[in-house]
Amino acid sequence: MKLTLNAAYEETTRIVSYRIVVVEGPSYRMGNLIIKNASESELKRIQGKWPLAQGAVLNLPSVREFVRKMFYGPSTRMPGIQIRKDPAKQIADLILTY
């Protein structure tokens, strides 16, 4: 994402106007979900509740929120999240590592 801020000052009225231009980067699609070092029950639990199908638009904030909600609590292990992007195909594999 790229943000550009342009400011224009009008001396007679002493007013500053701001224009913000947002240019989004390329969107990535969900590739493979790779789960490392998980127990069999953790693996089944994640795969059964995973919200993104392969090919869906990858929304990283929603992935982080899913992981936070799913693994919140003192008795659950929290996996790390890693993204492996393929810019040529605009696909990203998500890697959850315990």
PDB file of N, CA and C in Angstrom:
ATOM      1  N   MET A   1       0.842  -1.154   0.000  1.00  0.00           N
ATOM      2  CA  MET A   1       0.000   0.000   0.000  1.00  0.00           C
ATOM      3  C   MET A   1       0.899   1.232   0.000  1.00  0.00           C
ATOM      4  N   LYS A   2       0.490   2.217  -0.765  1.00  0.00           N
ATOM      5  CA  LYS A   2       1.252   3.455  -0.833  1.00  0.00           C
ATOM      6  C   LYS A   2       0.305   4.613  -0.547  1.00  0.00           C
ATOM      7  N   LEU A   3       0.709   5.486   0.371  1.00  0.00           N
ATOM      8  CA  LEU A   3      -0.069   6.674   0.702  1.00  0.00           C
ATOM      9  C   LEU A   3       0.671   7.907   0.225  1.00  0.00           C
ATOM     10  N   THR A   4      -0.058   8.827  -0.393  1.00  0.00           N
ATOM     11  CA  THR A   4       0.513  10.100  -0.807  1.00  0.00           C
ATOM     12  C   THR A   4      -0.343  11.197  -0.203  1.00  0.00           C
ATOM     13  N   LEU A   5       0.294  12.131   0.469  1.00  0.00           N
ATOM     14  CA  LEU A   5      -0.411  13.231   1.110  1.00  0.00           C
ATOM     15  C   LEU A   5      -0.052  14.525   0.398  1.00  0.00           C
ATOM     16  N   ASN A   6      -1.073  15.242  -0.046  1.00  0.00           N
ATOM     17  CA  ASN A   6      -0.872  16.545  -0.678  1.00  0.00           C
ATOM     18  C   ASN A   6      -1.593  17.590   0.156  1.00  0.00           C
ATOM     19  N   ALA A   7      -0.889  18.656   0.494  1.00  0.00           N
ATOM     20  CA  ALA A   7      -1.485  19.741   1.268  1.00  0.00           C
ATOM     21  C   ALA A   7      -1.500  21.009   0.424  1.00  0.00           C
ATOM     22  N   ALA A   8      -2.599  21.741   0.521  1.00  0.00           N
ATOM     23  CA  ALA A   8      -2.719  23.019  -0.192  1.00  0.00           C
ATOM     24  C   ALA A   8      -3.162  24.072   0.806  1.00  0.00           C
ATOM     25  N   TYR A   9      -2.376  25.134   0.909  1.00  0.00           N
ATOM     26  CA  TYR A   9      -2.683  26.207   1.856  1.00  0.00           C
ATOM     27  C   TYR A   9      -3.245  27.398   1.097  1.00  0.00           C
ATOM     28  N   GLU A  10      -4.420  27.851   1.519  1.00  0.00           N
ATOM     29  CA  GLU A  10      -5.058  29.030   0.925  1.00  0.00           C
ATOM     30  C   GLU A  10      -4.796  30.210   1.856  1.00  0.00           C
ATOM     31  N   GLU A  11      -3.925  31.113   1.399  1.00  0.00           N
ATOM     32  CA  GLU A  11      -3.487  32.219   2.268  1.00  0.00           C
ATOM     33  C   GLU A  11      -4.607  33.179   2.623  1.00  0.00           C
ATOM     34  N   THR A  12      -5.495  33.467   1.682  1.00  0.00           N
ATOM     35  CA  THR A  12      -6.542  34.460   1.970  1.00  0.00           C
ATOM     36  C   THR A  12      -7.504  33.974   3.052  1.00  0.00           C
ATOM     37  N   THR A  13      -7.827  32.707   3.052  1.00  0.00           N
ATOM     38  CA  THR A  13      -8.751  32.176   4.062  1.00  0.00           C
ATOM     39  C   THR A  13      -8.031  31.485   5.211  1.00  0.00           C
ATOM     40  N   ARG A  14      -6.724  31.286   5.040  1.00  0.00           N
ATOM     41  CA  ARG A  14      -5.890  30.615   6.031  1.00  0.00           C
ATOM     42  C   ARG A  14      -6.404  29.202   6.341  1.00  0.00           C
ATOM     43  N   ILE A  15      -6.762  28.509   5.278  1.00  0.00           N
ATOM     44  CA  ILE A  15      -7.273  27.144   5.395  1.00  0.00           C
ATOM     45  C   ILE A  15      -6.332  26.195   4.655  1.00  0.00           C
ATOM     46  N   VAL A  16      -6.052  25.094   5.302  1.00  0.00           N
ATOM     47  CA  VAL A  16      -5.240  24.055   4.677  1.00  0.00           C
ATOM     48  C   VAL A  16      -6.171  22.917   4.260  1.00  0.00           C
ATOM     49  N   SER A  17      -6.051  22.497   3.021  1.00  0.00           N
ATOM     50  CA  SER A  17      -6.810  21.355   2.510  1.00  0.00           C
ATOM     51  C   SER A  17      -5.839  20.207   2.285  1.00  0.00           C
ATOM     52  N   TYR A  18      -6.259  19.030   2.686  1.00  0.00           N
ATOM     53  CA  TYR A  18      -5.423  17.845   2.518  1.00  0.00           C
ATOM     54  C   TYR A  18      -6.101  16.879   1.557  1.00  0.00           C
ATOM     55  N   ARG A  19      -5.290  16.267   0.731  1.00  0.00           N
ATOM     56  CA  ARG A  19      -5.772  15.231  -0.179  1.00  0.00           C
ATOM     57  C   ARG A  19      -4.881  14.010   0.039  1.00  0.00           C
ATOM     58  N   ILE A  20      -5.511  12.911   0.373  1.00  0.00           N
ATOM     59  CA  ILE A  20      -4.770  11.676   0.610  1.00  0.00           C
ATOM     60  C   ILE A  20      -5.119  10.694  -0.503  1.00  0.00           C
ATOM     61  N   VAL A  21      -4.081  10.203  -1.170  1.00  0.00           N
ATOM     62  CA  VAL A  21      -4.267   9.232  -2.240  1.00  0.00           C
ATOM     63  C   VAL A  21      -3.746   7.883  -1.739  1.00  0.00           C
ATOM     64  N   VAL A  22      -4.596   6.875  -1.794  1.00  0.00           N
ATOM     65  CA  VAL A  22      -4.231   5.526  -1.366  1.00  0.00           C
ATOM     66  C   VAL A  22      -4.156   4.637  -2.603  1.00  0.00           C
ATOM     67  N   VAL A  23      -2.992   4.031  -2.800  1.00  0.00           N
ATOM     68  CA  VAL A  23      -2.811   3.090  -3.899  1.00  0.00           C
ATOM     69  C   VAL A  23      -2.506   1.728  -3.282  1.00  0.00           C
ATOM     70  N   GLU A  24      -3.431   0.801  -3.460  1.00  0.00           N
ATOM     71  CA  GLU A  24      -3.237  -0.532  -2.891  1.00  0.00           C
ATOM     72  C   GLU A  24      -2.262  -1.331  -3.732  1.00  0.00           C
ATOM     73  N   GLY A  25      -1.539  -2.192  -3.067  1.00  0.00           N
ATOM     74  CA  GLY A  25      -0.636  -3.100  -3.763  1.00  0.00           C
ATOM     75  C   GLY A  25      -1.437  -4.242  -4.367  1.00  0.00           C
ATOM     76  N   PRO A  26      -0.761  -5.190  -4.951  1.00  0.00           N
ATOM     77  CA  PRO A  26      -1.473  -6.312  -5.566  1.00  0.00           C
ATOM     78  C   PRO A  26      -2.144  -7.183  -4.503  1.00  0.00           C
ATOM     79  N   SER A  27      -3.317  -7.696  -4.824  1.00  0.00           N
ATOM     80  CA  SER A  27      -3.977  -8.603  -3.884  1.00  0.00           C
ATOM     81  C   SER A  27      -3.479 -10.023  -4.150  1.00  0.00           C
ATOM     82  N   TYR A  28      -3.411 -10.779  -3.084  1.00  0.00           N
ATOM     83  CA  TYR A  28      -2.957 -12.163  -3.173  1.00  0.00           C
ATOM     84  C   TYR A  28      -4.122 -13.096  -2.886  1.00  0.00           C
ATOM     85  N   ARG A  29      -4.076 -14.250  -3.481  1.00  0.00           N
ATOM     86  CA  ARG A  29      -5.076 -15.293  -3.263  1.00  0.00           C
ATOM     87  C   ARG A  29      -4.482 -16.358  -2.340  1.00  0.00           C
ATOM     88  N   MET A  30      -5.363 -17.016  -1.624  1.00  0.00           N
ATOM     89  CA  MET A  30      -4.945 -18.072  -0.705  1.00  0.00           C
ATOM     90  C   MET A  30      -4.378 -19.245  -1.484  1.00  0.00           C
ATOM     91  N   GLY A  31      -3.169 -19.634  -1.120  1.00  0.00           N
ATOM     92  CA  GLY A  31      -2.541 -20.821  -1.707  1.00  0.00           C
ATOM     93  C   GLY A  31      -2.784 -22.001  -0.792  1.00  0.00           C
ATOM     94  N   ASN A  32      -1.716 -22.574  -0.288  1.00  0.00           N
ATOM     95  CA  ASN A  32      -1.811 -23.730   0.607  1.00  0.00           C
ATOM     96  C   ASN A  32      -1.776 -23.292   2.060  1.00  0.00           C
ATOM     97  N   LEU A  33      -2.488 -24.013   2.892  1.00  0.00           N
ATOM     98  CA  LEU A  33      -2.390 -23.856   4.337  1.00  0.00           C
ATOM     99  C   LEU A  33      -1.443 -24.942   4.809  1.00  0.00           C
ATOM    100  N   ILE A  34      -0.312 -24.517   5.370  1.00  0.00           N
ATOM    101  CA  ILE A  34       0.710 -25.453   5.832  1.00  0.00           C
ATOM    102  C   ILE A  34       0.786 -25.337   7.351  1.00  0.00           C
ATOM    103  N   ILE A  35       0.606 -26.452   8.032  1.00  0.00           N
ATOM    104  CA  ILE A  35       0.618 -26.459   9.497  1.00  0.00           C
ATOM    105  C   ILE A  35       1.781 -27.332   9.946  1.00  0.00           C
ATOM    106  N   LYS A  36       2.706 -26.730  10.709  1.00  0.00           N
ATOM    107  CA  LYS A  36       3.912 -27.445  11.141  1.00  0.00           C
ATOM    108  C   LYS A  36       3.904 -27.668  12.652  1.00  0.00           C
ATOM    109  N   ASN A  37       4.397 -28.822  13.049  1.00  0.00           N
ATOM    110  CA  ASN A  37       4.606 -29.184  14.456  1.00  0.00           C
ATOM    111  C   ASN A  37       3.322 -29.198  15.282  1.00  0.00           C
ATOM    112  N   ALA A  38       2.202 -29.496  14.652  1.00  0.00           N
ATOM    113  CA  ALA A  38       0.927 -29.553  15.372  1.00  0.00           C
ATOM    114  C   ALA A  38       0.623 -30.996  15.753  1.00  0.00           C
ATOM    115  N   SER A  39      -0.104 -31.150  16.845  1.00  0.00           N
ATOM    116  CA  SER A  39      -0.576 -32.487  17.206  1.00  0.00           C
ATOM    117  C   SER A  39      -1.705 -32.856  16.240  1.00  0.00           C
ATOM    118  N   GLU A  40      -2.075 -34.109  16.235  1.00  0.00           N
ATOM    119  CA  GLU A  40      -3.153 -34.568  15.344  1.00  0.00           C
ATOM    120  C   GLU A  40      -4.461 -33.831  15.642  1.00  0.00           C
ATOM    121  N   SER A  41      -4.760 -33.628  16.930  1.00  0.00           N
ATOM    122  CA  SER A  41      -6.009 -32.942  17.292  1.00  0.00           C
ATOM    123  C   SER A  41      -5.962 -31.465  16.889  1.00  0.00           C
ATOM    124  N   GLU A  42      -4.802 -30.818  17.044  1.00  0.00           N
ATOM    125  CA  GLU A  42      -4.675 -29.419  16.619  1.00  0.00           C
ATOM    126  C   GLU A  42      -4.836 -29.298  15.107  1.00  0.00           C
ATOM    127  N   LEU A  43      -4.242 -30.224  14.389  1.00  0.00           N
ATOM    128  CA  LEU A  43      -4.321 -30.230  12.930  1.00  0.00           C
ATOM    129  C   LEU A  43      -5.774 -30.349  12.468  1.00  0.00           C
ATOM    130  N   LYS A  44      -6.511 -31.297  13.025  1.00  0.00           N
ATOM    131  CA  LYS A  44      -7.912 -31.489  12.653  1.00  0.00           C
ATOM    132  C   LYS A  44      -8.762 -30.279  13.033  1.00  0.00           C
ATOM    133  N   ARG A  45      -8.482 -29.718  14.186  1.00  0.00           N
ATOM    134  CA  ARG A  45      -9.236 -28.548  14.657  1.00  0.00           C
ATOM    135  C   ARG A  45      -9.060 -27.368  13.710  1.00  0.00           C
ATOM    136  N   ILE A  46      -7.825 -27.094  13.316  1.00  0.00           N
ATOM    137  CA  ILE A  46      -7.552 -25.971  12.412  1.00  0.00           C
ATOM    138  C   ILE A  46      -8.176 -26.226  11.043  1.00  0.00           C
ATOM    139  N   GLN A  47      -7.932 -27.402  10.487  1.00  0.00           N
ATOM    140  CA  GLN A  47      -8.452 -27.711   9.152  1.00  0.00           C
ATOM    141  C   GLN A  47      -9.978 -27.682   9.116  1.00  0.00           C
ATOM    142  N   GLY A  48     -10.611 -28.089  10.201  1.00  0.00           N
ATOM    143  CA  GLY A  48     -12.072 -28.104  10.252  1.00  0.00           C
ATOM    144  C   GLY A  48     -12.703 -26.733  10.333  1.00  0.00           C
ATOM    145  N   LYS A  49     -11.975 -25.764  10.852  1.00  0.00           N
ATOM    146  CA  LYS A  49     -12.539 -24.426  11.045  1.00  0.00           C
ATOM    147  C   LYS A  49     -11.904 -23.358  10.163  1.00  0.00           C
ATOM    148  N   TRP A  50     -10.956 -23.738   9.319  1.00  0.00           N
ATOM    149  CA  TRP A  50     -10.233 -22.748   8.512  1.00  0.00           C
ATOM    150  C   TRP A  50     -11.212 -22.003   7.610  1.00  0.00           C
ATOM    151  N   PRO A  51     -11.230 -20.656   7.658  1.00  0.00           N
ATOM    152  CA  PRO A  51     -12.255 -19.884   6.946  1.00  0.00           C
ATOM    153  C   PRO A  51     -11.986 -19.612   5.463  1.00  0.00           C
ATOM    154  N   LEU A  52     -10.754 -19.783   4.997  1.00  0.00           N
ATOM    155  CA  LEU A  52     -10.431 -19.411   3.616  1.00  0.00           C
ATOM    156  C   LEU A  52     -10.234 -20.629   2.727  1.00  0.00           C
ATOM    157  N   ALA A  53     -10.930 -20.632   1.611  1.00  0.00           N
ATOM    158  CA  ALA A  53     -10.733 -21.690   0.619  1.00  0.00           C
ATOM    159  C   ALA A  53      -9.538 -21.326  -0.249  1.00  0.00           C
ATOM    160  N   GLN A  54      -8.939 -22.319  -0.850  1.00  0.00           N
ATOM    161  CA  GLN A  54      -7.846 -22.066  -1.775  1.00  0.00           C
ATOM    162  C   GLN A  54      -8.389 -21.208  -2.915  1.00  0.00           C
ATOM    163  N   GLY A  55      -7.669 -20.132  -3.244  1.00  0.00           N
ATOM    164  CA  GLY A  55      -8.094 -19.226  -4.306  1.00  0.00           C
ATOM    165  C   GLY A  55      -8.865 -18.017  -3.817  1.00  0.00           C
ATOM    166  N   ALA A  56      -9.289 -18.017  -2.547  1.00  0.00           N
ATOM    167  CA  ALA A  56      -9.994 -16.862  -1.989  1.00  0.00           C
ATOM    168  C   ALA A  56      -9.009 -15.711  -1.794  1.00  0.00           C
ATOM    169  N   VAL A  57      -9.524 -14.479  -1.804  1.00  0.00           N
ATOM    170  CA  VAL A  57      -8.666 -13.322  -1.563  1.00  0.00           C
ATOM    171  C   VAL A  57      -8.128 -13.414  -0.139  1.00  0.00           C
ATOM    172  N   LEU A  58      -6.820 -13.278  -0.001  1.00  0.00           N
ATOM    173  CA  LEU A  58      -6.165 -13.401   1.299  1.00  0.00           C
ATOM    174  C   LEU A  58      -6.270 -12.079   2.048  1.00  0.00           C
ATOM    175  N   ASN A  59      -6.929 -12.126   3.183  1.00  0.00           N
ATOM    176  CA  ASN A  59      -7.112 -10.952   4.022  1.00  0.00           C
ATOM    177  C   ASN A  59      -6.369 -11.218   5.330  1.00  0.00           C
ATOM    178  N   LEU A  60      -5.161 -10.689   5.425  1.00  0.00           N
ATOM    179  CA  LEU A  60      -4.303 -11.008   6.568  1.00  0.00           C
ATOM    180  C   LEU A  60      -4.884 -10.579   7.914  1.00  0.00           C
ATOM    181  N   PRO A  61      -5.506  -9.395   8.037  1.00  0.00           N
ATOM    182  CA  PRO A  61      -6.101  -9.063   9.341  1.00  0.00           C
ATOM    183  C   PRO A  61      -7.159 -10.077   9.790  1.00  0.00           C
ATOM    184  N   SER A  62      -7.961 -10.593   8.868  1.00  0.00           N
ATOM    185  CA  SER A  62      -8.966 -11.581   9.272  1.00  0.00           C
ATOM    186  C   SER A  62      -8.318 -12.915   9.643  1.00  0.00           C
ATOM    187  N   VAL A  63      -7.206 -13.262   8.997  1.00  0.00           N
ATOM    188  CA  VAL A  63      -6.471 -14.482   9.365  1.00  0.00           C
ATOM    189  C   VAL A  63      -5.920 -14.343  10.779  1.00  0.00           C
ATOM    190  N   ARG A  64      -5.317 -13.197  11.077  1.00  0.00           N
ATOM    191  CA  ARG A  64      -4.778 -12.971  12.433  1.00  0.00           C
ATOM    192  C   ARG A  64      -5.888 -13.015  13.479  1.00  0.00           C
ATOM    193  N   GLU A  65      -7.038 -12.434  13.157  1.00  0.00           N
ATOM    194  CA  GLU A  65      -8.171 -12.446  14.084  1.00  0.00           C
ATOM    195  C   GLU A  65      -8.666 -13.879  14.303  1.00  0.00           C
ATOM    196  N   PHE A  66      -8.733 -14.666  13.246  1.00  0.00           N
ATOM    197  CA  PHE A  66      -9.134 -16.072  13.362  1.00  0.00           C
ATOM    198  C   PHE A  66      -8.187 -16.825  14.293  1.00  0.00           C
ATOM    199  N   VAL A  67      -6.892 -16.653  14.076  1.00  0.00           N
ATOM    200  CA  VAL A  67      -5.894 -17.340  14.904  1.00  0.00           C
ATOM    201  C   VAL A  67      -6.002 -16.877  16.351  1.00  0.00           C
ATOM    202  N   ARG A  68      -6.169 -15.576  16.557  1.00  0.00           N
ATOM    203  CA  ARG A  68      -6.278 -15.050  17.923  1.00  0.00           C
ATOM    204  C   ARG A  68      -7.490 -15.648  18.640  1.00  0.00           C
ATOM    205  N   LYS A  69      -8.635 -15.672  17.974  1.00  0.00           N
ATOM    206  CA  LYS A  69      -9.850 -16.207  18.603  1.00  0.00           C
ATOM    207  C   LYS A  69      -9.770 -17.718  18.818  1.00  0.00           C
ATOM    208  N   MET A  70      -9.231 -18.410  17.843  1.00  0.00           N
ATOM    209  CA  MET A  70      -9.185 -19.871  17.917  1.00  0.00           C
ATOM    210  C   MET A  70      -8.223 -20.370  18.995  1.00  0.00           C
ATOM    211  N   PHE A  71      -7.148 -19.646  19.203  1.00  0.00           N
ATOM    212  CA  PHE A  71      -6.109 -20.120  20.109  1.00  0.00           C
ATOM    213  C   PHE A  71      -5.997 -19.292  21.384  1.00  0.00           C
ATOM    214  N   TYR A  72      -7.006 -18.475  21.656  1.00  0.00           N
ATOM    215  CA  TYR A  72      -6.979 -17.664  22.871  1.00  0.00           C
ATOM    216  C   TYR A  72      -7.235 -18.552  24.082  1.00  0.00           C
ATOM    217  N   GLY A  73      -6.444 -18.359  25.116  1.00  0.00           N
ATOM    218  CA  GLY A  73      -6.654 -19.113  26.343  1.00  0.00           C
ATOM    219  C   GLY A  73      -5.348 -19.664  26.869  1.00  0.00           C
ATOM    220  N   PRO A  74      -5.295 -19.921  28.165  1.00  0.00           N
ATOM    221  CA  PRO A  74      -4.048 -20.381  28.777  1.00  0.00           C
ATOM    222  C   PRO A  74      -3.676 -21.817  28.410  1.00  0.00           C
ATOM    223  N   SER A  75      -4.649 -22.620  27.984  1.00  0.00           N
ATOM    224  CA  SER A  75      -4.340 -24.031  27.734  1.00  0.00           C
ATOM    225  C   SER A  75      -4.043 -24.347  26.270  1.00  0.00           C
ATOM    226  N   THR A  76      -4.100 -23.360  25.398  1.00  0.00           N
ATOM    227  CA  THR A  76      -3.842 -23.624  23.984  1.00  0.00           C
ATOM    228  C   THR A  76      -2.522 -23.000  23.555  1.00  0.00           C
ATOM    229  N   ARG A  77      -1.857 -23.684  22.647  1.00  0.00           N
ATOM    230  CA  ARG A  77      -0.599 -23.160  22.104  1.00  0.00           C
ATOM    231  C   ARG A  77      -0.929 -22.211  20.955  1.00  0.00           C
ATOM    232  N   MET A  78      -0.212 -21.114  20.877  1.00  0.00           N
ATOM    233  CA  MET A  78      -0.429 -20.125  19.829  1.00  0.00           C
ATOM    234  C   MET A  78       0.600 -20.333  18.721  1.00  0.00           C
ATOM    235  N   PRO A  79       0.163 -20.625  17.499  1.00  0.00           N
ATOM    236  CA  PRO A  79       1.126 -20.808  16.408  1.00  0.00           C
ATOM    237  C   PRO A  79       1.608 -19.469  15.864  1.00  0.00           C
ATOM    238  N   GLY A  80       2.796 -19.486  15.299  1.00  0.00           N
ATOM    239  CA  GLY A  80       3.287 -18.325  14.581  1.00  0.00           C
ATOM    240  C   GLY A  80       2.706 -18.339  13.173  1.00  0.00           C
ATOM    241  N   ILE A  81       2.553 -17.157  12.584  1.00  0.00           N
ATOM    242  CA  ILE A  81       2.003 -17.038  11.234  1.00  0.00           C
ATOM    243  C   ILE A  81       3.098 -16.541  10.310  1.00  0.00           C
ATOM    244  N   GLN A  82       3.275 -17.231   9.211  1.00  0.00           N
ATOM    245  CA  GLN A  82       4.256 -16.848   8.200  1.00  0.00           C
ATOM    246  C   GLN A  82       3.556 -16.856   6.847  1.00  0.00           C
ATOM    247  N   ILE A  83       3.973 -15.965   5.966  1.00  0.00           N
ATOM    248  CA  ILE A  83       3.390 -15.904   4.625  1.00  0.00           C
ATOM    249  C   ILE A  83       4.499 -16.118   3.615  1.00  0.00           C
ATOM    250  N   ARG A  84       4.253 -16.999   2.671  1.00  0.00           N
ATOM    251  CA  ARG A  84       5.206 -17.239   1.589  1.00  0.00           C
ATOM    252  C   ARG A  84       4.516 -16.820   0.287  1.00  0.00           C
ATOM    253  N   LYS A  85       4.941 -15.666  -0.229  1.00  0.00           N
ATOM    254  CA  LYS A  85       4.291 -15.091  -1.413  1.00  0.00           C
ATOM    255  C   LYS A  85       4.953 -15.558  -2.700  1.00  0.00           C
ATOM    256  N   ASP A  86       4.136 -15.706  -3.722  1.00  0.00           N
ATOM    257  CA  ASP A  86       4.610 -15.950  -5.082  1.00  0.00           C
ATOM    258  C   ASP A  86       4.100 -14.777  -5.917  1.00  0.00           C
ATOM    259  N   PRO A  87       4.915 -13.705  -6.047  1.00  0.00           N
ATOM    260  CA  PRO A  87       4.457 -12.505  -6.750  1.00  0.00           C
ATOM    261  C   PRO A  87       4.050 -12.756  -8.200  1.00  0.00           C
ATOM    262  N   ALA A  88       4.697 -13.695  -8.863  1.00  0.00           N
ATOM    263  CA  ALA A  88       4.365 -13.964 -10.266  1.00  0.00           C
ATOM    264  C   ALA A  88       2.936 -14.498 -10.410  1.00  0.00           C
ATOM    265  N   LYS A  89       2.520 -15.339  -9.470  1.00  0.00           N
ATOM    266  CA  LYS A  89       1.174 -15.928  -9.525  1.00  0.00           C
ATOM    267  C   LYS A  89       0.178 -15.187  -8.641  1.00  0.00           C
ATOM    268  N   GLN A  90       0.674 -14.270  -7.802  1.00  0.00           N
ATOM    269  CA  GLN A  90      -0.121 -13.536  -6.812  1.00  0.00           C
ATOM    270  C   GLN A  90      -0.890 -14.501  -5.903  1.00  0.00           C
ATOM    271  N   ILE A  91      -0.161 -15.515  -5.454  1.00  0.00           N
ATOM    272  CA  ILE A  91      -0.684 -16.506  -4.518  1.00  0.00           C
ATOM    273  C   ILE A  91       0.214 -16.489  -3.284  1.00  0.00           C
ATOM    274  N   ALA A  92      -0.385 -16.688  -2.122  1.00  0.00           N
ATOM    275  CA  ALA A  92       0.396 -16.734  -0.888  1.00  0.00           C
ATOM    276  C   ALA A  92       0.018 -17.978  -0.089  1.00  0.00           C
ATOM    277  N   ASP A  93       1.036 -18.737   0.304  1.00  0.00           N
ATOM    278  CA  ASP A  93       0.834 -19.869   1.204  1.00  0.00           C
ATOM    279  C   ASP A  93       0.905 -19.345   2.627  1.00  0.00           C
ATOM    280  N   LEU A  94       0.032 -19.844   3.474  1.00  0.00           N
ATOM    281  CA  LEU A  94       0.039 -19.475   4.882  1.00  0.00           C
ATOM    282  C   LEU A  94       0.641 -20.622   5.668  1.00  0.00           C
ATOM    283  N   ILE A  95       1.622 -20.309   6.506  1.00  0.00           N
ATOM    284  CA  ILE A  95       2.308 -21.333   7.288  1.00  0.00           C
ATOM    285  C   ILE A  95       2.069 -21.049   8.769  1.00  0.00           C
ATOM    286  N   LEU A  96       1.432 -21.978   9.444  1.00  0.00           N
ATOM    287  CA  LEU A  96       1.237 -21.888  10.892  1.00  0.00           C
ATOM    288  C   LEU A  96       2.228 -22.850  11.530  1.00  0.00           C
ATOM    289  N   THR A  97       3.081 -22.326  12.409  1.00  0.00           N
ATOM    290  CA  THR A  97       4.112 -23.149  13.036  1.00  0.00           C
ATOM    291  C   THR A  97       3.974 -23.085  14.551  1.00  0.00           C
ATOM    292  N   TYR A  98       3.943 -24.261  15.155  1.00  0.00           N
ATOM    293  CA  TYR A  98       3.912 -24.338  16.619  1.00  0.00           C
ATOM    294  C   TYR A  98       5.309 -24.401  17.149  1.00  0.00           C
TER     295      TYR A  98
END
